[in-house]
Amino acid sequence: MIGVKLQQQPTANLTWKDYLTLFLSGVLAFFADTLGLGSFAVNRALTRVMETFDKNEIAAVNNIAQVLPGVLEALFFVYLFPVDLTTLLVLVAGAGIGGALSGVMIRYGSHYSSLLIKASYLFIISLLVLHQFRLLNLGGDLGALSTMQLFLGFFAMIVCGALTAVGVGLFIMVQGILFLMNLSPMFAFPIMTVAGAVQQPITSLIILQSTPNIPLKKTMIYSLSGCFGVLAAMYLFTQITVTWLHTLVFLILIYNLFVDDSVNRKKPCISKKACIGSLRLIH
């Protein structure tokens, strides 16, 4: 599918500066992704600084680029933190089903993507603030979820898997859900990375079929560069404290929440014919 799309696209004339910025953004985004910060929020922040992608391309790029680095992350964390198999399979299945619903989100939820993204940022920021002031204990010592927790977690993961299609990062949502369920943070990593490795290919295939003009060459450069970021983060992962991670993700989310949204905003239609054409592409 990706090969066919690449052949259909016009030749992308990239300069050495384009290659460099794509490489650096890929390494940084997926270095952060492996540490549990999520590449979606980081790439949105880097895009505003490096101008690697247009704002309207970010949701598609983030999902497609996640596939290859996501598999590396999943293999690493399943090996490092063996998790209860039933808990893993049920939650990952929910994320996969959510990925299959991506087409519905693209069709009906894309108009509210900015609102959904900001709402998810506010949700996680609130959790981190409550945790910092000891008003809420994020993450406990549970190694598996009970029947009722699994039931709730399954449906929550369906929602998480579907929301990624409009640009809401999977990791940030899954961490919030699992922390609220008192699951140990070390087990949250294999669950969210395996869920991403299953859900992202499904979502990506749907995006490729339904979304035109995706910059696939730039996306693949960014994705392959991200594998280097994953490998670098694997080496440092065990030396990073949870408190440091919470502080960094808090700063990134604050930046994305309040940064000026006027950058890369879509230009208004210049004619009635152009507007009708753009609506047909969306629907």
C-alpha atoms as a PDB file:
ATOM      1  CA  MET A   1       0.000   0.000   0.000  1.00  0.00           C
ATOM      2  CA  ILE A   2       2.733   2.471   0.947  1.00  0.00           C
ATOM      3  CA  GLY A   3       4.755   1.503  -2.146  1.00  0.00           C
ATOM      4  CA  VAL A   4       1.763   2.182  -4.424  1.00  0.00           C
ATOM      5  CA  LYS A   5       1.129   5.544  -2.745  1.00  0.00           C
ATOM      6  CA  LEU A   6       4.789   6.513  -3.147  1.00  0.00           C
ATOM      7  CA  GLN A   7       4.667   5.731  -6.867  1.00  0.00           C
ATOM      8  CA  GLN A   8       1.514   7.818  -7.284  1.00  0.00           C
ATOM      9  CA  GLN A   9       3.022  10.863  -5.571  1.00  0.00           C
ATOM     10  CA  PRO A  10       4.941  13.564  -7.430  1.00  0.00           C
ATOM     11  CA  THR A  11       8.708  13.575  -6.865  1.00  0.00           C
ATOM     12  CA  ALA A  12       9.530  15.312  -3.595  1.00  0.00           C
ATOM     13  CA  ASN A  13      12.512  17.608  -4.054  1.00  0.00           C
ATOM     14  CA  LEU A  14      14.111  17.611  -0.626  1.00  0.00           C
ATOM     15  CA  THR A  15      17.210  19.629   0.240  1.00  0.00           C
ATOM     16  CA  TRP A  16      19.974  18.521   2.617  1.00  0.00           C
ATOM     17  CA  LYS A  17      18.362  20.786   5.202  1.00  0.00           C
ATOM     18  CA  ASP A  18      15.041  18.923   4.784  1.00  0.00           C
ATOM     19  CA  TYR A  19      16.758  15.569   5.319  1.00  0.00           C
ATOM     20  CA  LEU A  20      18.592  16.890   8.372  1.00  0.00           C
ATOM     21  CA  THR A  21      15.504  18.372  10.032  1.00  0.00           C
ATOM     22  CA  LEU A  22      13.472  15.231   9.329  1.00  0.00           C
ATOM     23  CA  PHE A  23      16.234  13.054  10.767  1.00  0.00           C
ATOM     24  CA  LEU A  24      16.624  15.173  13.900  1.00  0.00           C
ATOM     25  CA  SER A  25      12.881  15.437  14.490  1.00  0.00           C
ATOM     26  CA  GLY A  26      12.492  11.661  14.061  1.00  0.00           C
ATOM     27  CA  VAL A  27      15.285  10.875  16.512  1.00  0.00           C
ATOM     28  CA  LEU A  28      14.013  13.366  19.113  1.00  0.00           C
ATOM     29  CA  ALA A  29      10.326  12.446  18.780  1.00  0.00           C
ATOM     30  CA  PHE A  30      10.827   8.689  19.122  1.00  0.00           C
ATOM     31  CA  PHE A  31      13.518   9.053  21.762  1.00  0.00           C
ATOM     32  CA  ALA A  32      10.803  10.810  23.772  1.00  0.00           C
ATOM     33  CA  ASP A  33       8.249   8.218  22.645  1.00  0.00           C
ATOM     34  CA  THR A  34      10.308   5.354  24.074  1.00  0.00           C
ATOM     35  CA  LEU A  35      10.554   7.196  27.389  1.00  0.00           C
ATOM     36  CA  GLY A  36       6.756   7.254  27.522  1.00  0.00           C
ATOM     37  CA  LEU A  37       6.188  10.881  26.491  1.00  0.00           C
ATOM     38  CA  GLY A  38       4.528   9.988  23.177  1.00  0.00           C
ATOM     39  CA  SER A  39       5.784  11.067  19.764  1.00  0.00           C
ATOM     40  CA  PHE A  40       2.536  12.831  18.795  1.00  0.00           C
ATOM     41  CA  ALA A  41       2.860  15.774  21.185  1.00  0.00           C
ATOM     42  CA  VAL A  42       6.620  16.043  20.649  1.00  0.00           C
ATOM     43  CA  ASN A  43       6.304  16.027  16.860  1.00  0.00           C
ATOM     44  CA  ARG A  44       3.602  18.687  16.993  1.00  0.00           C
ATOM     45  CA  ALA A  45       5.993  20.858  19.010  1.00  0.00           C
ATOM     46  CA  LEU A  46       8.975  20.135  16.740  1.00  0.00           C
ATOM     47  CA  THR A  47       6.948  20.828  13.605  1.00  0.00           C
ATOM     48  CA  ARG A  48       6.283  24.374  14.777  1.00  0.00           C
ATOM     49  CA  VAL A  49      10.014  24.911  15.280  1.00  0.00           C
ATOM     50  CA  MET A  50      11.490  22.980  12.323  1.00  0.00           C
ATOM     51  CA  GLU A  51       8.551  23.345   9.889  1.00  0.00           C
ATOM     52  CA  THR A  52       8.906  19.719   8.777  1.00  0.00           C
ATOM     53  CA  PHE A  53       5.202  19.146   8.090  1.00  0.00           C
ATOM     54  CA  ASP A  54       2.089  21.236   7.598  1.00  0.00           C
ATOM     55  CA  LYS A  55      -0.417  21.337  10.429  1.00  0.00           C
ATOM     56  CA  ASN A  56      -3.092  19.513   8.412  1.00  0.00           C
ATOM     57  CA  GLU A  57      -0.661  16.638   7.728  1.00  0.00           C
ATOM     58  CA  ILE A  58       0.324  15.945  11.334  1.00  0.00           C
ATOM     59  CA  ALA A  59      -2.408  13.446  12.291  1.00  0.00           C
ATOM     60  CA  ALA A  60      -1.705  11.209   9.281  1.00  0.00           C
ATOM     61  CA  VAL A  61       2.084  11.548   9.578  1.00  0.00           C
ATOM     62  CA  ASN A  62       2.123  10.731  13.283  1.00  0.00           C
ATOM     63  CA  ASN A  63       0.122   7.535  12.807  1.00  0.00           C
ATOM     64  CA  ILE A  64       2.025   6.186   9.789  1.00  0.00           C
ATOM     65  CA  ALA A  65       5.459   7.083  11.158  1.00  0.00           C
ATOM     66  CA  GLN A  66       4.725   5.267  14.432  1.00  0.00           C
ATOM     67  CA  VAL A  67       4.509   1.799  12.848  1.00  0.00           C
ATOM     68  CA  LEU A  68       8.211   0.840  12.519  1.00  0.00           C
ATOM     69  CA  PRO A  69       9.580   2.455  15.712  1.00  0.00           C
ATOM     70  CA  GLY A  70       6.506   1.194  17.572  1.00  0.00           C
ATOM     71  CA  VAL A  71       7.383  -2.445  16.849  1.00  0.00           C
ATOM     72  CA  LEU A  72      10.908  -1.922  18.249  1.00  0.00           C
ATOM     73  CA  GLU A  73       9.488  -0.342  21.395  1.00  0.00           C
ATOM     74  CA  ALA A  74       6.985  -3.165  21.913  1.00  0.00           C
ATOM     75  CA  LEU A  75       9.638  -5.884  21.622  1.00  0.00           C
ATOM     76  CA  PHE A  76      11.926  -4.009  24.033  1.00  0.00           C
ATOM     77  CA  PHE A  77       9.369  -3.419  26.774  1.00  0.00           C
ATOM     78  CA  VAL A  78       7.750  -6.875  26.623  1.00  0.00           C
ATOM     79  CA  TYR A  79      11.221  -8.336  27.141  1.00  0.00           C
ATOM     80  CA  LEU A  80      12.112  -5.863  29.904  1.00  0.00           C
ATOM     81  CA  PHE A  81       8.800  -5.958  31.818  1.00  0.00           C
ATOM     82  CA  PRO A  82       6.850  -9.232  31.334  1.00  0.00           C
ATOM     83  CA  VAL A  83       3.203  -8.353  31.959  1.00  0.00           C
ATOM     84  CA  ASP A  84       0.143 -10.469  32.810  1.00  0.00           C
ATOM     85  CA  LEU A  85      -0.879 -12.066  29.499  1.00  0.00           C
ATOM     86  CA  THR A  86      -4.654 -11.708  29.991  1.00  0.00           C
ATOM     87  CA  THR A  87      -4.361  -8.019  30.871  1.00  0.00           C
ATOM     88  CA  LEU A  88      -2.099  -7.437  27.873  1.00  0.00           C
ATOM     89  CA  LEU A  89      -4.278  -9.271  25.337  1.00  0.00           C
ATOM     90  CA  VAL A  90      -7.581  -7.724  26.437  1.00  0.00           C
ATOM     91  CA  LEU A  91      -6.299  -4.147  26.438  1.00  0.00           C
ATOM     92  CA  VAL A  92      -4.379  -4.554  23.177  1.00  0.00           C
ATOM     93  CA  ALA A  93      -7.494  -6.043  21.547  1.00  0.00           C
ATOM     94  CA  GLY A  94      -9.435  -2.951  22.590  1.00  0.00           C
ATOM     95  CA  ALA A  95      -6.841  -0.663  20.996  1.00  0.00           C
ATOM     96  CA  GLY A  96      -6.929  -2.754  17.810  1.00  0.00           C
ATOM     97  CA  ILE A  97     -10.712  -2.463  17.590  1.00  0.00           C
ATOM     98  CA  GLY A  98     -10.370   1.273  18.119  1.00  0.00           C
ATOM     99  CA  GLY A  99      -7.892   1.396  15.240  1.00  0.00           C
ATOM    100  CA  ALA A 100     -10.467  -0.331  13.016  1.00  0.00           C
ATOM    101  CA  LEU A 101     -12.876   2.518  13.837  1.00  0.00           C
ATOM    102  CA  SER A 102     -10.392   5.120  12.580  1.00  0.00           C
ATOM    103  CA  GLY A 103     -12.395   5.646   9.406  1.00  0.00           C
ATOM    104  CA  VAL A 104     -15.371   6.812  11.475  1.00  0.00           C
ATOM    105  CA  MET A 105     -13.153   9.246  13.389  1.00  0.00           C
ATOM    106  CA  ILE A 106     -11.600  10.612  10.199  1.00  0.00           C
ATOM    107  CA  ARG A 107     -15.030  11.138   8.658  1.00  0.00           C
ATOM    108  CA  TYR A 108     -16.870  12.603  11.642  1.00  0.00           C
ATOM    109  CA  GLY A 109     -14.246  13.551  14.217  1.00  0.00           C
ATOM    110  CA  SER A 110     -11.629  15.381  12.129  1.00  0.00           C
ATOM    111  CA  HIS A 111     -13.521  18.689  12.518  1.00  0.00           C
ATOM    112  CA  TYR A 112     -13.104  18.410  16.288  1.00  0.00           C
ATOM    113  CA  SER A 113      -9.496  17.131  16.260  1.00  0.00           C
ATOM    114  CA  SER A 114      -8.008  20.279  17.791  1.00  0.00           C
ATOM    115  CA  LEU A 115     -10.574  20.226  20.612  1.00  0.00           C
ATOM    116  CA  LEU A 116     -10.011  16.507  21.271  1.00  0.00           C
ATOM    117  CA  ILE A 117      -6.230  16.927  21.342  1.00  0.00           C
ATOM    118  CA  LYS A 118      -6.386  19.861  23.752  1.00  0.00           C
ATOM    119  CA  ALA A 119      -8.858  17.993  25.958  1.00  0.00           C
ATOM    120  CA  SER A 120      -6.460  15.037  26.208  1.00  0.00           C
ATOM    121  CA  TYR A 121      -3.600  17.393  27.083  1.00  0.00           C
ATOM    122  CA  LEU A 122      -5.670  19.018  29.823  1.00  0.00           C
ATOM    123  CA  PHE A 123      -6.631  15.600  31.185  1.00  0.00           C
ATOM    124  CA  ILE A 124      -3.019  14.446  31.544  1.00  0.00           C
ATOM    125  CA  ILE A 125      -1.828  17.847  32.817  1.00  0.00           C
ATOM    126  CA  SER A 126      -4.514  17.674  35.524  1.00  0.00           C
ATOM    127  CA  LEU A 127      -3.378  14.179  36.536  1.00  0.00           C
ATOM    128  CA  LEU A 128       0.262  15.293  36.747  1.00  0.00           C
ATOM    129  CA  VAL A 129      -0.604  18.372  38.828  1.00  0.00           C
ATOM    130  CA  LEU A 130      -2.746  16.312  41.221  1.00  0.00           C
ATOM    131  CA  HIS A 131       0.053  13.774  41.530  1.00  0.00           C
ATOM    132  CA  GLN A 132       2.650  16.487  42.195  1.00  0.00           C
ATOM    133  CA  PHE A 133       0.606  17.861  45.103  1.00  0.00           C
ATOM    134  CA  ARG A 134      -0.016  14.325  46.430  1.00  0.00           C
ATOM    135  CA  LEU A 135      -3.752  14.638  45.804  1.00  0.00           C
ATOM    136  CA  LEU A 136      -3.771  11.621  43.481  1.00  0.00           C
ATOM    137  CA  ASN A 137      -1.488   8.616  43.409  1.00  0.00           C
ATOM    138  CA  LEU A 138      -0.556   7.961  39.778  1.00  0.00           C
ATOM    139  CA  GLY A 139       0.384   4.356  39.308  1.00  0.00           C
ATOM    140  CA  GLY A 140       0.420   1.763  42.045  1.00  0.00           C
ATOM    141  CA  ASP A 141       1.816  -1.716  42.420  1.00  0.00           C
ATOM    142  CA  LEU A 142      -0.769  -3.816  40.567  1.00  0.00           C
ATOM    143  CA  GLY A 143       0.690  -6.272  38.067  1.00  0.00           C
ATOM    144  CA  ALA A 144      -2.678  -7.269  36.560  1.00  0.00           C
ATOM    145  CA  LEU A 145      -6.208  -5.888  36.337  1.00  0.00           C
ATOM    146  CA  SER A 146      -9.322  -7.437  37.859  1.00  0.00           C
ATOM    147  CA  THR A 147     -12.323  -8.503  35.785  1.00  0.00           C
ATOM    148  CA  MET A 148     -14.167  -5.194  36.213  1.00  0.00           C
ATOM    149  CA  GLN A 149     -11.010  -3.165  35.579  1.00  0.00           C
ATOM    150  CA  LEU A 150     -10.363  -5.204  32.436  1.00  0.00           C
ATOM    151  CA  PHE A 151     -13.918  -4.578  31.248  1.00  0.00           C
ATOM    152  CA  LEU A 152     -13.586  -0.811  31.728  1.00  0.00           C
ATOM    153  CA  GLY A 153     -10.051  -0.794  30.360  1.00  0.00           C
ATOM    154  CA  PHE A 154     -11.114  -2.665  27.214  1.00  0.00           C
ATOM    155  CA  PHE A 155     -13.702  -0.035  26.264  1.00  0.00           C
ATOM    156  CA  ALA A 156     -11.376   2.803  27.246  1.00  0.00           C
ATOM    157  CA  MET A 157      -8.720   1.370  24.909  1.00  0.00           C
ATOM    158  CA  ILE A 158     -11.237   1.262  22.051  1.00  0.00           C
ATOM    159  CA  VAL A 159     -11.745   5.008  22.480  1.00  0.00           C
ATOM    160  CA  CYS A 160      -7.984   5.592  22.699  1.00  0.00           C
ATOM    161  CA  GLY A 161      -7.308   3.556  19.560  1.00  0.00           C
ATOM    162  CA  ALA A 162      -9.934   5.440  17.568  1.00  0.00           C
ATOM    163  CA  LEU A 163      -8.825   8.917  18.695  1.00  0.00           C
ATOM    164  CA  THR A 164      -5.305   8.489  17.311  1.00  0.00           C
ATOM    165  CA  ALA A 165      -6.736   8.873  13.794  1.00  0.00           C
ATOM    166  CA  VAL A 166      -7.361  12.579  14.463  1.00  0.00           C
ATOM    167  CA  GLY A 167      -3.991  13.185  16.102  1.00  0.00           C
ATOM    168  CA  VAL A 168      -4.529  12.366  19.782  1.00  0.00           C
ATOM    169  CA  GLY A 169      -1.454  10.452  21.028  1.00  0.00           C
ATOM    170  CA  LEU A 170      -2.116   6.873  22.195  1.00  0.00           C
ATOM    171  CA  PHE A 171       0.620   6.715  24.846  1.00  0.00           C
ATOM    172  CA  ILE A 172      -0.496   9.776  26.747  1.00  0.00           C
ATOM    173  CA  MET A 173      -4.083   8.499  26.983  1.00  0.00           C
ATOM    174  CA  VAL A 174      -3.168   4.926  27.879  1.00  0.00           C
ATOM    175  CA  GLN A 175      -0.833   6.078  30.645  1.00  0.00           C
ATOM    176  CA  GLY A 176      -3.602   8.162  32.153  1.00  0.00           C
ATOM    177  CA  ILE A 177      -6.077   5.270  32.070  1.00  0.00           C
ATOM    178  CA  LEU A 178      -3.691   2.663  33.489  1.00  0.00           C
ATOM    179  CA  PHE A 179      -2.385   4.994  36.178  1.00  0.00           C
ATOM    180  CA  LEU A 180      -5.947   5.709  37.311  1.00  0.00           C
ATOM    181  CA  MET A 181      -6.506   1.946  37.531  1.00  0.00           C
ATOM    182  CA  ASN A 182      -3.502   1.749  39.893  1.00  0.00           C
ATOM    183  CA  LEU A 183      -1.444  -0.402  37.529  1.00  0.00           C
ATOM    184  CA  SER A 184       2.299  -0.280  38.115  1.00  0.00           C
ATOM    185  CA  PRO A 185       4.027   2.202  35.753  1.00  0.00           C
ATOM    186  CA  MET A 186       6.505  -0.468  34.636  1.00  0.00           C
ATOM    187  CA  PHE A 187       3.634  -2.569  33.250  1.00  0.00           C
ATOM    188  CA  ALA A 188       2.057   0.423  31.537  1.00  0.00           C
ATOM    189  CA  PHE A 189       5.014   0.559  29.110  1.00  0.00           C
ATOM    190  CA  PRO A 190       4.638  -2.912  27.542  1.00  0.00           C
ATOM    191  CA  ILE A 191       0.860  -2.521  27.357  1.00  0.00           C
ATOM    192  CA  MET A 192       0.887   0.859  25.620  1.00  0.00           C
ATOM    193  CA  THR A 193       3.727  -0.058  23.229  1.00  0.00           C
ATOM    194  CA  VAL A 194       2.204  -3.390  22.177  1.00  0.00           C
ATOM    195  CA  ALA A 195      -1.191  -1.670  21.824  1.00  0.00           C
ATOM    196  CA  GLY A 196       0.454   0.897  19.552  1.00  0.00           C
ATOM    197  CA  ALA A 197       2.225  -1.805  17.519  1.00  0.00           C
ATOM    198  CA  VAL A 198      -1.151  -3.477  16.846  1.00  0.00           C
ATOM    199  CA  GLN A 199      -3.344  -0.393  16.480  1.00  0.00           C
ATOM    200  CA  GLN A 200      -1.063   1.880  14.432  1.00  0.00           C
ATOM    201  CA  PRO A 201      -0.792  -0.352  11.310  1.00  0.00           C
ATOM    202  CA  ILE A 202      -4.588  -0.700  11.229  1.00  0.00           C
ATOM    203  CA  THR A 203      -5.091   3.045  11.565  1.00  0.00           C
ATOM    204  CA  SER A 204      -2.351   3.749   9.000  1.00  0.00           C
ATOM    205  CA  LEU A 205      -3.956   1.532   6.360  1.00  0.00           C
ATOM    206  CA  ILE A 206      -7.282   3.304   6.828  1.00  0.00           C
ATOM    207  CA  ILE A 207      -5.588   6.719   6.655  1.00  0.00           C
ATOM    208  CA  LEU A 208      -3.754   5.757   3.439  1.00  0.00           C
ATOM    209  CA  GLN A 209      -7.043   4.755   1.828  1.00  0.00           C
ATOM    210  CA  SER A 210      -9.060   7.760   2.948  1.00  0.00           C
ATOM    211  CA  THR A 211      -6.628  10.684   3.138  1.00  0.00           C
ATOM    212  CA  PRO A 212      -5.136  12.267  -0.004  1.00  0.00           C
ATOM    213  CA  ASN A 213      -1.785  13.994  -0.423  1.00  0.00           C
ATOM    214  CA  ILE A 214       0.107  12.454   2.493  1.00  0.00           C
ATOM    215  CA  PRO A 215       3.845  13.330   2.239  1.00  0.00           C
ATOM    216  CA  LEU A 216       4.911   9.685   2.404  1.00  0.00           C
ATOM    217  CA  LYS A 217       8.566  10.183   1.442  1.00  0.00           C
ATOM    218  CA  LYS A 218       9.076  12.690   4.253  1.00  0.00           C
ATOM    219  CA  THR A 219       7.054  10.489   6.600  1.00  0.00           C
ATOM    220  CA  MET A 220       9.203   7.422   5.892  1.00  0.00           C
ATOM    221  CA  ILE A 221      12.431   9.405   6.449  1.00  0.00           C
ATOM    222  CA  TYR A 222      11.017  10.664   9.736  1.00  0.00           C
ATOM    223  CA  SER A 223       9.900   7.148  10.723  1.00  0.00           C
ATOM    224  CA  LEU A 224      13.186   5.405   9.884  1.00  0.00           C
ATOM    225  CA  SER A 225      15.095   8.127  11.751  1.00  0.00           C
ATOM    226  CA  GLY A 226      12.819   7.444  14.704  1.00  0.00           C
ATOM    227  CA  CYS A 227      14.236   3.910  14.964  1.00  0.00           C
ATOM    228  CA  PHE A 228      17.604   5.456  15.918  1.00  0.00           C
ATOM    229  CA  GLY A 229      15.822   7.466  18.606  1.00  0.00           C
ATOM    230  CA  VAL A 230      14.250   4.286  19.990  1.00  0.00           C
ATOM    231  CA  LEU A 231      17.611   2.508  20.151  1.00  0.00           C
ATOM    232  CA  ALA A 232      19.221   5.467  21.936  1.00  0.00           C
ATOM    233  CA  ALA A 233      16.395   5.669  24.479  1.00  0.00           C
ATOM    234  CA  MET A 234      16.580   1.938  25.209  1.00  0.00           C
ATOM    235  CA  TYR A 235      20.104   2.442  26.552  1.00  0.00           C
ATOM    236  CA  LEU A 236      19.076   5.328  28.820  1.00  0.00           C
ATOM    237  CA  PHE A 237      15.643   4.131  29.879  1.00  0.00           C
ATOM    238  CA  THR A 238      16.560   2.440  33.153  1.00  0.00           C
ATOM    239  CA  GLN A 239      18.449   5.558  34.317  1.00  0.00           C
ATOM    240  CA  ILE A 240      15.505   7.957  33.896  1.00  0.00           C
ATOM    241  CA  THR A 241      13.374   8.600  36.979  1.00  0.00           C
ATOM    242  CA  VAL A 242       9.589   8.747  36.823  1.00  0.00           C
ATOM    243  CA  THR A 243       9.640  12.231  38.369  1.00  0.00           C
ATOM    244  CA  TRP A 244      11.870  13.515  35.564  1.00  0.00           C
ATOM    245  CA  LEU A 245       9.550  11.989  32.961  1.00  0.00           C
ATOM    246  CA  HIS A 246       6.495  13.604  34.547  1.00  0.00           C
ATOM    247  CA  THR A 247       8.205  17.011  34.527  1.00  0.00           C
ATOM    248  CA  LEU A 248       9.258  16.757  30.884  1.00  0.00           C
ATOM    249  CA  VAL A 249       5.888  15.565  29.606  1.00  0.00           C
ATOM    250  CA  PHE A 250       4.215  18.336  31.607  1.00  0.00           C
ATOM    251  CA  LEU A 251       6.352  20.997  29.863  1.00  0.00           C
ATOM    252  CA  ILE A 252       5.729  19.509  26.408  1.00  0.00           C
ATOM    253  CA  LEU A 253       1.974  19.362  26.969  1.00  0.00           C
ATOM    254  CA  ILE A 254       1.876  22.928  28.271  1.00  0.00           C
ATOM    255  CA  TYR A 255       3.740  24.083  25.163  1.00  0.00           C
ATOM    256  CA  ASN A 256       1.354  22.284  22.805  1.00  0.00           C
ATOM    257  CA  LEU A 257      -1.689  23.481  24.724  1.00  0.00           C
ATOM    258  CA  PHE A 258      -0.904  27.193  24.632  1.00  0.00           C
ATOM    259  CA  VAL A 259       1.248  27.638  21.517  1.00  0.00           C
ATOM    260  CA  ASP A 260      -0.185  29.835  18.773  1.00  0.00           C
ATOM    261  CA  ASP A 261      -2.386  27.665  16.533  1.00  0.00           C
ATOM    262  CA  SER A 262      -2.132  30.112  13.647  1.00  0.00           C
ATOM    263  CA  VAL A 263       1.033  28.411  12.347  1.00  0.00           C
ATOM    264  CA  ASN A 264       0.367  26.270   9.265  1.00  0.00           C
ATOM    265  CA  ARG A 265      -3.347  27.014   9.441  1.00  0.00           C
ATOM    266  CA  LYS A 266      -5.227  26.074   6.288  1.00  0.00           C
ATOM    267  CA  LYS A 267      -5.821  28.899   3.885  1.00  0.00           C
ATOM    268  CA  PRO A 268      -9.459  29.873   3.332  1.00  0.00           C
ATOM    269  CA  CYS A 269     -11.137  28.773   0.120  1.00  0.00           C
ATOM    270  CA  ILE A 270     -10.761  31.384  -2.598  1.00  0.00           C
ATOM    271  CA  SER A 271     -13.804  30.243  -4.517  1.00  0.00           C
ATOM    272  CA  LYS A 272     -17.020  28.293  -4.128  1.00  0.00           C
ATOM    273  CA  LYS A 273     -15.671  25.621  -6.493  1.00  0.00           C
ATOM    274  CA  ALA A 274     -12.500  25.197  -4.415  1.00  0.00           C
ATOM    275  CA  CYS A 275     -14.526  24.873  -1.208  1.00  0.00           C
ATOM    276  CA  ILE A 276     -16.740  22.160  -2.705  1.00  0.00           C
ATOM    277  CA  GLY A 277     -13.651  20.287  -3.918  1.00  0.00           C
ATOM    278  CA  SER A 278     -12.042  20.379  -0.487  1.00  0.00           C
ATOM    279  CA  LEU A 279     -15.214  19.124   1.167  1.00  0.00           C
ATOM    280  CA  ARG A 280     -15.318  16.179  -1.219  1.00  0.00           C
ATOM    281  CA  LEU A 281     -11.761  15.268  -0.261  1.00  0.00           C
ATOM    282  CA  ILE A 282     -12.668  15.344   3.428  1.00  0.00           C
ATOM    283  CA  HIS A 283     -15.798  13.256   3.058  1.00  0.00           C
END
